[in-house]
């Protein structure tokens, strides 16, 4: 009886040491690089450009965008077609540019001045 208890206790202690704790590289995160951000007016629309950096080995997916300064915010591809979702692969930087995916704001609530900052929320 004592031997069986000792064996079970040893097994329990051995299994307790087999826990995997993910590192920062495993989990990572998504970071928005606003220092590379800018907005360009195209008629009544505002195109917004920035960088998204994925720091982990697993990616993420942008599923929506919103901005309180505009009636509508939309994620679009280079030709301007709406994107319902955009995958951000792991350990990469995705540049939101006029030649690639970017955000378009329409129905601005007020005129924006040069160098003015505003909140743009990405939903992941």
Protein backbone atom coordinates (compact mmCIF):
# COMPACT_ATOMS: atom_id res chain seq x y z
CA UNK A 1 0.00 0.00 0.00
CA UNK A 2 2.79 2.44 0.87
CA UNK A 3 4.65 1.53 -2.32
CA UNK A 4 1.57 2.26 -4.42
CA UNK A 5 1.10 5.66 -2.74
CA UNK A 6 4.78 6.49 -3.22
CA UNK A 7 4.56 5.54 -6.91
CA UNK A 8 1.44 7.68 -7.42
CA UNK A 9 3.06 10.60 -5.61
CA UNK A 10 6.19 10.30 -7.77
CA UNK A 11 4.05 10.12 -10.91
CA UNK A 12 2.07 13.20 -9.83
CA UNK A 13 5.24 15.18 -9.15
CA UNK A 14 6.71 14.07 -12.47
CA UNK A 15 3.62 15.17 -14.39
CA UNK A 16 3.49 18.48 -12.54
CA UNK A 17 6.89 19.33 -14.01
CA UNK A 18 5.62 18.72 -17.57
CA UNK A 19 3.79 22.02 -17.88
CA UNK A 20 4.59 24.22 -20.88
CA UNK A 21 4.63 27.92 -20.13
CA UNK A 22 4.47 29.91 -23.37
CA UNK A 23 7.17 32.49 -23.94
CA UNK A 24 6.72 35.98 -25.36
CA UNK A 25 7.81 34.66 -28.77
CA UNK A 26 5.12 31.96 -28.61
CA UNK A 27 2.32 34.31 -27.63
CA UNK A 28 3.61 37.57 -29.06
CA UNK A 29 1.17 40.28 -29.88
CA UNK A 30 0.15 42.80 -32.46
CA UNK A 31 1.50 46.32 -32.32
CA UNK A 32 0.41 49.34 -34.34
CA UNK A 33 3.29 51.56 -35.44
CA UNK A 34 1.76 55.03 -35.50
CA UNK A 35 5.10 56.76 -36.06
CA UNK A 36 4.79 55.65 -39.69
CA UNK A 37 1.14 56.71 -39.83
CA UNK A 38 -0.37 59.36 -42.04
CA UNK A 39 -3.68 60.27 -43.61
CA UNK A 40 -4.26 61.59 -47.12
CA UNK A 41 -7.43 63.29 -48.34
CA UNK A 42 -8.92 62.02 -51.60
CA UNK A 43 -11.98 64.19 -52.29
CA UNK A 44 -14.46 63.59 -49.47
CA UNK A 45 -12.56 60.48 -48.31
CA UNK A 46 -9.56 60.13 -46.03
CA UNK A 47 -7.09 57.28 -46.63
CA UNK A 48 -5.18 56.22 -43.51
CA UNK A 49 -1.77 54.49 -43.64
CA UNK A 50 0.27 52.86 -40.83
CA UNK A 51 2.19 49.66 -40.01
CA UNK A 52 0.99 46.61 -38.06
CA UNK A 53 3.69 44.44 -36.49
CA UNK A 54 3.04 40.87 -35.32
CA UNK A 55 5.65 39.92 -32.70
CA UNK A 56 4.66 36.30 -32.09
CA UNK A 57 4.90 33.17 -34.18
CA UNK A 58 1.10 33.08 -34.54
CA UNK A 59 -0.74 35.66 -36.58
CA UNK A 60 -3.90 37.62 -36.02
CA UNK A 61 -6.87 38.75 -38.12
CA UNK A 62 -8.28 42.27 -38.43
CA UNK A 63 -12.06 41.95 -38.69
CA UNK A 64 -13.15 45.57 -38.53
CA UNK A 65 -12.20 49.19 -38.07
CA UNK A 66 -13.89 52.27 -36.61
CA UNK A 67 -13.11 55.94 -36.03
CA UNK A 68 -15.17 58.48 -34.07
CA UNK A 69 -14.24 61.27 -36.53
CA UNK A 70 -16.01 59.52 -39.43
CA UNK A 71 -19.45 58.12 -40.13
CA UNK A 72 -17.88 55.08 -41.78
CA UNK A 73 -14.46 53.43 -41.57
CA UNK A 74 -13.60 50.61 -43.93
CA UNK A 75 -10.67 48.29 -44.48
CA UNK A 76 -9.88 48.15 -48.23
CA UNK A 77 -7.33 46.58 -50.59
CA UNK A 78 -5.13 48.51 -53.09
CA UNK A 79 -7.87 48.97 -55.75
CA UNK A 80 -10.32 50.10 -53.04
CA UNK A 81 -12.46 46.97 -52.70
CA UNK A 82 -13.78 46.37 -49.19
CA UNK A 83 -12.08 43.65 -47.11
CA UNK A 84 -14.15 41.79 -44.53
CA UNK A 85 -10.98 40.54 -42.82
CA UNK A 86 -7.24 40.85 -43.20
CA UNK A 87 -4.78 38.27 -41.92
CA UNK A 88 -1.65 39.50 -40.20
CA UNK A 89 0.84 36.59 -40.40
CA UNK A 90 3.03 35.82 -37.39
CA UNK A 91 6.44 37.50 -37.04
CA UNK A 92 5.83 39.99 -39.88
CA UNK A 93 5.13 43.65 -40.53
CA UNK A 94 2.15 44.53 -42.72
CA UNK A 95 2.38 48.01 -44.19
CA UNK A 96 -0.92 49.76 -44.82
CA UNK A 97 -0.14 51.86 -47.92
CA UNK A 98 -1.91 53.21 -51.00
CA UNK A 99 -0.46 50.25 -52.93
CA UNK A 100 -1.75 47.72 -50.41
CA UNK A 101 -4.39 47.36 -47.72
CA UNK A 102 -5.39 50.56 -45.93
CA UNK A 103 -8.28 52.21 -44.11
CA UNK A 104 -10.70 54.64 -45.77
CA UNK A 105 -12.78 57.06 -43.71
CA UNK A 106 -15.91 58.63 -45.20
CA UNK A 107 -18.47 61.03 -43.79
CA UNK A 108 -16.02 63.00 -41.67
CA UNK A 109 -17.82 64.55 -38.69
CA UNK A 110 -15.68 67.70 -38.90
CA UNK A 111 -12.79 69.07 -40.95
CA UNK A 112 -9.42 67.72 -39.83
CA UNK A 113 -6.39 70.00 -39.71
CA UNK A 114 -2.87 69.06 -40.86
CA UNK A 115 -0.91 67.11 -38.21
CA UNK A 116 -4.07 66.53 -36.16
CA UNK A 117 -4.25 63.13 -34.48
CA UNK A 118 -7.40 61.04 -34.14
CA UNK A 119 -8.39 57.66 -32.78
CA UNK A 120 -8.66 54.74 -35.18
CA UNK A 121 -9.70 51.41 -33.63
CA UNK A 122 -8.83 48.08 -35.23
CA UNK A 123 -10.87 45.05 -34.18
CA UNK A 124 -8.90 41.78 -34.04
